[in-house]
Each structure stands twice: as structure tokens, then as C-alpha cells.
Amino acid sequence: MAMSTGGGSADDSTPMSDINTTPLVDVMLVLLIIFLIAVPVVIQTVKLELPKVTFEPTTTKPENVALSVRAVDGQCEVSWNMTKVNHEELLEKAVAKLKGVVDRLGSNLTADDIPEVHIRGDVNTPYRCIGGTVYTMQMAGFAKVGFISEPPPGGVQTRDR
């Protein structure tokens, strides 16, 4: 590698202002090769064995909210326990339920004291119906929203703990 400090003539005594880019290109190529080799090594999936649980029994508490969601003639139908409610009534009942819990427990309220929402959705119900119900309950302040399903025939499997 050589460095030029000026022109060859005696008239031109100013240093040369051009940058030699060859070393820069060499370094960049080396870095590119390193990254091409290192990135696939770093980005790997973690081998997991997912649980083979098809059904996990839920513990229902009396304060939990049980909702049923289905579609009838293209319209979403939500039932609070056995009472049909529309979107506004669902939000009002949910807010009133949480307000009652807060009034009853006051400053002793913990995350475990907030009731859960258990949604039973018909298998043919569009996502917009179930998603809208989940959104409404979360807007009301319910943090735990779960789905209730029916286990397949053949028995109940539980997770080994």
C-alpha cells in the first residue's frame, strides 16, 4: 500500500485530497462476510415441546362473568348469564359489576379480587362478534378474559405440574 503526498511536479506542492477507498472497501467486505455467517447462527428458533393439553378444567367463582356469544342472522348476540344484552348494556353491566367489587373491597383490592370474564363462543360465530365482546369487557376494566371450550370426545387430559 502506498501513499501519495502530492503531485510529481515541482509546481504543485499541495497535498493530495483524494481518499483511497480500497482499505474501506476491504473492511466492509470482511464485515459483510462476518455478518452473513453470524446472523444465521444468532437467529435460531428455540426447540420447544408444547403441552399436549386439549382441555384444562377451569375453576369458576361466583363473581366471574359468564358470557355467551353467537351470530343469529348475521347479527352478533351476546348473553350475560342467560339475559340477552346489546353492546351498550354489556358495557353498562360490566362497569357496574366492577364498580360493585371496588365499592365492596375498597382499598384492599388486589388483582385476584377482580372477577374474570368467561366467554363461550359458538363455533360458527364470526371473529368480529367475539373480538367486539372482548374489547368491550376490556374497556370496562376486566383484565382477565378467557374462553370456555368443550373437550373433544375421549376424555379429559390435564397438564402434569
C-alpha atoms as a PDB file:
ATOM      1  CA  MET A   1       0.000   0.000   0.000  1.00  0.00           C
ATOM      2  CA  ALA A   2       1.418   3.369  -0.948  1.00  0.00           C
ATOM      3  CA  MET A   3       0.532   6.896  -0.015  1.00  0.00           C
ATOM      4  CA  SER A   4       0.769   9.804  -2.344  1.00  0.00           C
ATOM      5  CA  THR A   5       1.652  13.132  -0.759  1.00  0.00           C
ATOM      6  CA  GLY A   6       1.350  15.278  -3.823  1.00  0.00           C
ATOM      7  CA  GLY A   7       1.780  15.560  -7.489  1.00  0.00           C
ATOM      8  CA  GLY A   8       5.018  14.747  -9.201  1.00  0.00           C
ATOM      9  CA  SER A   9       5.688  18.259 -10.444  1.00  0.00           C
ATOM     10  CA  ALA A  10       7.568  20.888  -8.527  1.00  0.00           C
ATOM     11  CA  ASP A  11       4.877  23.484  -9.225  1.00  0.00           C
ATOM     12  CA  ASP A  12       2.197  21.628  -7.269  1.00  0.00           C
ATOM     13  CA  SER A  13       3.235  21.369  -3.610  1.00  0.00           C
ATOM     14  CA  THR A  14      -0.281  20.930  -2.097  1.00  0.00           C
ATOM     15  CA  PRO A  15      -1.119  17.540  -0.615  1.00  0.00           C
ATOM     16  CA  MET A  16      -3.495  15.290  -2.496  1.00  0.00           C
ATOM     17  CA  SER A  17      -7.077  15.454  -1.148  1.00  0.00           C
ATOM     18  CA  ASP A  18      -8.390  12.212  -2.682  1.00  0.00           C
ATOM     19  CA  ILE A  19      -9.217   9.381  -0.279  1.00  0.00           C
ATOM     20  CA  ASN A  20      -8.019   5.898  -1.005  1.00  0.00           C
ATOM     21  CA  THR A  21     -11.223   3.818  -0.654  1.00  0.00           C
ATOM     22  CA  THR A  22      -9.615   0.434  -1.160  1.00  0.00           C
ATOM     23  CA  PRO A  23      -8.995  -0.206   2.579  1.00  0.00           C
ATOM     24  CA  LEU A  24     -12.552   0.926   3.364  1.00  0.00           C
ATOM     25  CA  VAL A  25     -13.996  -1.484   0.819  1.00  0.00           C
ATOM     26  CA  ASP A  26     -11.809  -4.285   2.183  1.00  0.00           C
ATOM     27  CA  VAL A  27     -13.048  -3.699   5.739  1.00  0.00           C
ATOM     28  CA  MET A  28     -16.669  -3.517   4.608  1.00  0.00           C
ATOM     29  CA  LEU A  29     -16.384  -6.775   2.677  1.00  0.00           C
ATOM     30  CA  VAL A  30     -14.879  -8.503   5.695  1.00  0.00           C
ATOM     31  CA  LEU A  31     -17.696  -7.179   7.929  1.00  0.00           C
ATOM     32  CA  LEU A  32     -20.297  -8.271   5.379  1.00  0.00           C
ATOM     33  CA  ILE A  33     -18.880 -11.796   5.333  1.00  0.00           C
ATOM     34  CA  ILE A  34     -18.795 -11.904   9.141  1.00  0.00           C
ATOM     35  CA  PHE A  35     -22.431 -10.791   9.377  1.00  0.00           C
ATOM     36  CA  LEU A  36     -23.530 -13.238   6.672  1.00  0.00           C
ATOM     37  CA  ILE A  37     -22.010 -16.051   8.719  1.00  0.00           C
ATOM     38  CA  ALA A  38     -23.012 -14.789  12.175  1.00  0.00           C
ATOM     39  CA  VAL A  39     -26.661 -13.807  11.590  1.00  0.00           C
ATOM     40  CA  PRO A  40     -27.980 -17.305  10.772  1.00  0.00           C
ATOM     41  CA  VAL A  41     -26.197 -18.619  13.866  1.00  0.00           C
ATOM     42  CA  VAL A  42     -27.799 -15.978  16.094  1.00  0.00           C
ATOM     43  CA  ILE A  43     -31.303 -16.234  14.622  1.00  0.00           C
ATOM     44  CA  GLN A  44     -32.428 -19.705  15.546  1.00  0.00           C
ATOM     45  CA  THR A  45     -35.673 -20.993  16.873  1.00  0.00           C
ATOM     46  CA  VAL A  46     -35.745 -22.410  20.349  1.00  0.00           C
ATOM     47  CA  LYS A  47     -36.740 -26.053  20.381  1.00  0.00           C
ATOM     48  CA  LEU A  48     -39.862 -26.401  22.475  1.00  0.00           C
ATOM     49  CA  GLU A  49     -42.170 -29.229  23.236  1.00  0.00           C
ATOM     50  CA  LEU A  50     -45.553 -27.625  23.516  1.00  0.00           C
ATOM     51  CA  PRO A  51     -48.012 -29.081  26.007  1.00  0.00           C
ATOM     52  CA  LYS A  52     -50.398 -31.698  24.676  1.00  0.00           C
ATOM     53  CA  VAL A  53     -53.307 -30.368  26.711  1.00  0.00           C
ATOM     54  CA  THR A  54     -56.641 -30.312  24.959  1.00  0.00           C
ATOM     55  CA  PHE A  55     -58.703 -29.365  27.968  1.00  0.00           C
ATOM     56  CA  GLU A  56     -57.829 -27.754  31.235  1.00  0.00           C
ATOM     57  CA  PRO A  57     -60.589 -27.552  33.838  1.00  0.00           C
ATOM     58  CA  THR A  58     -61.412 -24.039  34.935  1.00  0.00           C
ATOM     59  CA  THR A  59     -62.328 -23.032  38.423  1.00  0.00           C
ATOM     60  CA  THR A  60     -65.364 -20.842  38.282  1.00  0.00           C
ATOM     61  CA  LYS A  61     -66.046 -18.415  41.052  1.00  0.00           C
ATOM     62  CA  PRO A  62     -69.494 -16.971  41.625  1.00  0.00           C
ATOM     63  CA  GLU A  63     -68.269 -13.440  40.924  1.00  0.00           C
ATOM     64  CA  ASN A  64     -66.999 -14.342  37.426  1.00  0.00           C
ATOM     65  CA  VAL A  65     -68.942 -13.088  34.429  1.00  0.00           C
ATOM     66  CA  ALA A  66     -70.278 -15.738  32.055  1.00  0.00           C
ATOM     67  CA  LEU A  67     -70.947 -14.514  28.524  1.00  0.00           C
ATOM     68  CA  SER A  68     -72.321 -16.443  25.576  1.00  0.00           C
ATOM     69  CA  VAL A  69     -71.672 -15.120  22.079  1.00  0.00           C
ATOM     70  CA  ARG A  70     -73.246 -16.302  18.853  1.00  0.00           C
ATOM     71  CA  ALA A  71     -74.333 -14.961  15.491  1.00  0.00           C
ATOM     72  CA  VAL A  72     -78.014 -15.025  14.576  1.00  0.00           C
ATOM     73  CA  ASP A  73     -78.933 -13.964  11.031  1.00  0.00           C
ATOM     74  CA  GLY A  74     -75.596 -12.153  10.651  1.00  0.00           C
ATOM     75  CA  GLN A  75     -76.078 -10.172  13.866  1.00  0.00           C
ATOM     76  CA  CYS A  76     -73.970 -10.658  16.994  1.00  0.00           C
ATOM     77  CA  GLU A  77     -75.919 -11.827  20.013  1.00  0.00           C
ATOM     78  CA  VAL A  78     -74.348 -11.605  23.477  1.00  0.00           C
ATOM     79  CA  SER A  79     -75.917 -13.054  26.610  1.00  0.00           C
ATOM     80  CA  TRP A  80     -74.851 -12.117  30.151  1.00  0.00           C
ATOM     81  CA  ASN A  81     -75.608 -15.344  32.008  1.00  0.00           C
ATOM     82  CA  MET A  82     -78.973 -16.045  30.356  1.00  0.00           C
ATOM     83  CA  THR A  83     -80.011 -12.438  29.600  1.00  0.00           C
ATOM     84  CA  LYS A  84     -79.504 -11.064  26.098  1.00  0.00           C
ATOM     85  CA  VAL A  85     -77.736  -7.698  26.070  1.00  0.00           C
ATOM     86  CA  ASN A  86     -76.659  -5.282  23.363  1.00  0.00           C
ATOM     87  CA  HIS A  87     -73.288  -3.537  23.224  1.00  0.00           C
ATOM     88  CA  GLU A  88     -74.290  -0.572  25.401  1.00  0.00           C
ATOM     89  CA  GLU A  89     -75.999  -2.746  28.018  1.00  0.00           C
ATOM     90  CA  LEU A  90     -72.967  -5.050  28.126  1.00  0.00           C
ATOM     91  CA  LEU A  91     -70.656  -2.120  28.826  1.00  0.00           C
ATOM     92  CA  GLU A  92     -73.008  -0.685  31.476  1.00  0.00           C
ATOM     93  CA  LYS A  93     -73.386  -4.043  33.264  1.00  0.00           C
ATOM     94  CA  ALA A  94     -69.642  -4.674  33.166  1.00  0.00           C
ATOM     95  CA  VAL A  95     -68.803  -1.243  34.593  1.00  0.00           C
ATOM     96  CA  ALA A  96     -71.474  -1.657  37.293  1.00  0.00           C
ATOM     97  CA  LYS A  97     -70.105  -5.108  38.196  1.00  0.00           C
ATOM     98  CA  LEU A  98     -66.567  -3.786  38.631  1.00  0.00           C
ATOM     99  CA  LYS A  99     -67.798  -0.707  40.496  1.00  0.00           C
ATOM    100  CA  GLY A 100     -69.611  -3.008  42.930  1.00  0.00           C
ATOM    101  CA  VAL A 101     -66.420  -5.010  43.536  1.00  0.00           C
ATOM    102  CA  VAL A 102     -64.394  -1.832  44.113  1.00  0.00           C
ATOM    103  CA  ASP A 103     -67.051  -0.389  46.445  1.00  0.00           C
ATOM    104  CA  ARG A 104     -67.208  -3.638  48.401  1.00  0.00           C
ATOM    105  CA  LEU A 105     -63.448  -4.141  48.803  1.00  0.00           C
ATOM    106  CA  GLY A 106     -62.281  -0.528  48.779  1.00  0.00           C
ATOM    107  CA  SER A 107     -58.527  -0.044  49.123  1.00  0.00           C
ATOM    108  CA  ASN A 108     -57.924  -3.754  49.836  1.00  0.00           C
ATOM    109  CA  LEU A 109     -58.472  -4.604  46.150  1.00  0.00           C
ATOM    110  CA  THR A 110     -55.887  -6.901  44.552  1.00  0.00           C
ATOM    111  CA  ALA A 111     -55.603  -8.306  41.040  1.00  0.00           C
ATOM    112  CA  ASP A 112     -57.038 -11.620  42.252  1.00  0.00           C
ATOM    113  CA  ASP A 113     -60.186  -9.880  43.507  1.00  0.00           C
ATOM    114  CA  ILE A 114     -61.194  -8.636  40.057  1.00  0.00           C
ATOM    115  CA  PRO A 115     -63.624 -11.115  38.513  1.00  0.00           C
ATOM    116  CA  GLU A 116     -62.778 -12.927  35.309  1.00  0.00           C
ATOM    117  CA  VAL A 117     -64.798 -12.991  32.114  1.00  0.00           C
ATOM    118  CA  HIS A 118     -65.555 -16.425  30.657  1.00  0.00           C
ATOM    119  CA  ILE A 119     -66.728 -16.305  27.064  1.00  0.00           C
ATOM    120  CA  ARG A 120     -68.493 -19.223  25.450  1.00  0.00           C
ATOM    121  CA  GLY A 121     -68.473 -18.675  21.714  1.00  0.00           C
ATOM    122  CA  ASP A 122     -70.377 -20.710  19.189  1.00  0.00           C
ATOM    123  CA  VAL A 123     -68.058 -22.432  16.722  1.00  0.00           C
ATOM    124  CA  ASN A 124     -69.722 -20.647  13.773  1.00  0.00           C
ATOM    125  CA  THR A 125     -69.527 -17.173  15.326  1.00  0.00           C
ATOM    126  CA  PRO A 126     -67.502 -14.642  13.306  1.00  0.00           C
ATOM    127  CA  TYR A 127     -64.425 -13.170  14.936  1.00  0.00           C
ATOM    128  CA  ARG A 128     -65.905  -9.658  14.944  1.00  0.00           C
ATOM    129  CA  CYS A 129     -68.564 -10.759  17.432  1.00  0.00           C
ATOM    130  CA  ILE A 130     -66.150 -12.371  19.865  1.00  0.00           C
ATOM    131  CA  GLY A 131     -63.477  -9.699  19.362  1.00  0.00           C
ATOM    132  CA  GLY A 132     -66.026  -6.943  19.989  1.00  0.00           C
ATOM    133  CA  THR A 133     -67.132  -8.640  23.207  1.00  0.00           C
ATOM    134  CA  VAL A 134     -63.545  -8.994  24.419  1.00  0.00           C
ATOM    135  CA  TYR A 135     -62.875  -5.333  23.560  1.00  0.00           C
ATOM    136  CA  THR A 136     -65.989  -4.156  25.416  1.00  0.00           C
ATOM    137  CA  MET A 137     -65.096  -6.119  28.539  1.00  0.00           C
ATOM    138  CA  GLN A 138     -61.541  -4.799  28.484  1.00  0.00           C
ATOM    139  CA  MET A 139     -62.850  -1.254  28.073  1.00  0.00           C
ATOM    140  CA  ALA A 140     -64.975  -1.812  31.176  1.00  0.00           C
ATOM    141  CA  GLY A 141     -61.824  -2.752  33.117  1.00  0.00           C
ATOM    142  CA  PHE A 142     -61.765  -6.540  33.145  1.00  0.00           C
ATOM    143  CA  ALA A 143     -58.156  -7.695  32.822  1.00  0.00           C
ATOM    144  CA  LYS A 144     -58.724 -11.454  32.624  1.00  0.00           C
ATOM    145  CA  VAL A 145     -60.793 -12.660  29.696  1.00  0.00           C
ATOM    146  CA  GLY A 146     -60.869 -16.368  28.948  1.00  0.00           C
ATOM    147  CA  PHE A 147     -62.615 -18.696  26.549  1.00  0.00           C
ATOM    148  CA  ILE A 148     -64.549 -21.782  27.548  1.00  0.00           C
ATOM    149  CA  SER A 149     -64.398 -24.732  25.170  1.00  0.00           C
ATOM    150  CA  GLU A 150     -65.747 -28.238  25.075  1.00  0.00           C
ATOM    151  CA  PRO A 151     -63.168 -31.021  25.179  1.00  0.00           C
ATOM    152  CA  PRO A 152     -63.066 -33.478  22.307  1.00  0.00           C
ATOM    153  CA  PRO A 153     -64.556 -36.902  22.910  1.00  0.00           C
ATOM    154  CA  GLY A 154     -62.192 -39.334  24.552  1.00  0.00           C
ATOM    155  CA  GLY A 155     -61.644 -37.893  27.957  1.00  0.00           C
ATOM    156  CA  VAL A 156     -60.033 -35.049  29.755  1.00  0.00           C
ATOM    157  CA  GLN A 157     -56.297 -34.512  29.684  1.00  0.00           C
ATOM    158  CA  THR A 158     -54.627 -32.408  32.334  1.00  0.00           C
ATOM    159  CA  ARG A 159     -51.205 -30.876  32.416  1.00  0.00           C
ATOM    160  CA  ASP A 160     -48.532 -32.511  34.566  1.00  0.00           C
ATOM    161  CA  ARG A 161     -47.242 -29.969  37.014  1.00  0.00           C
END
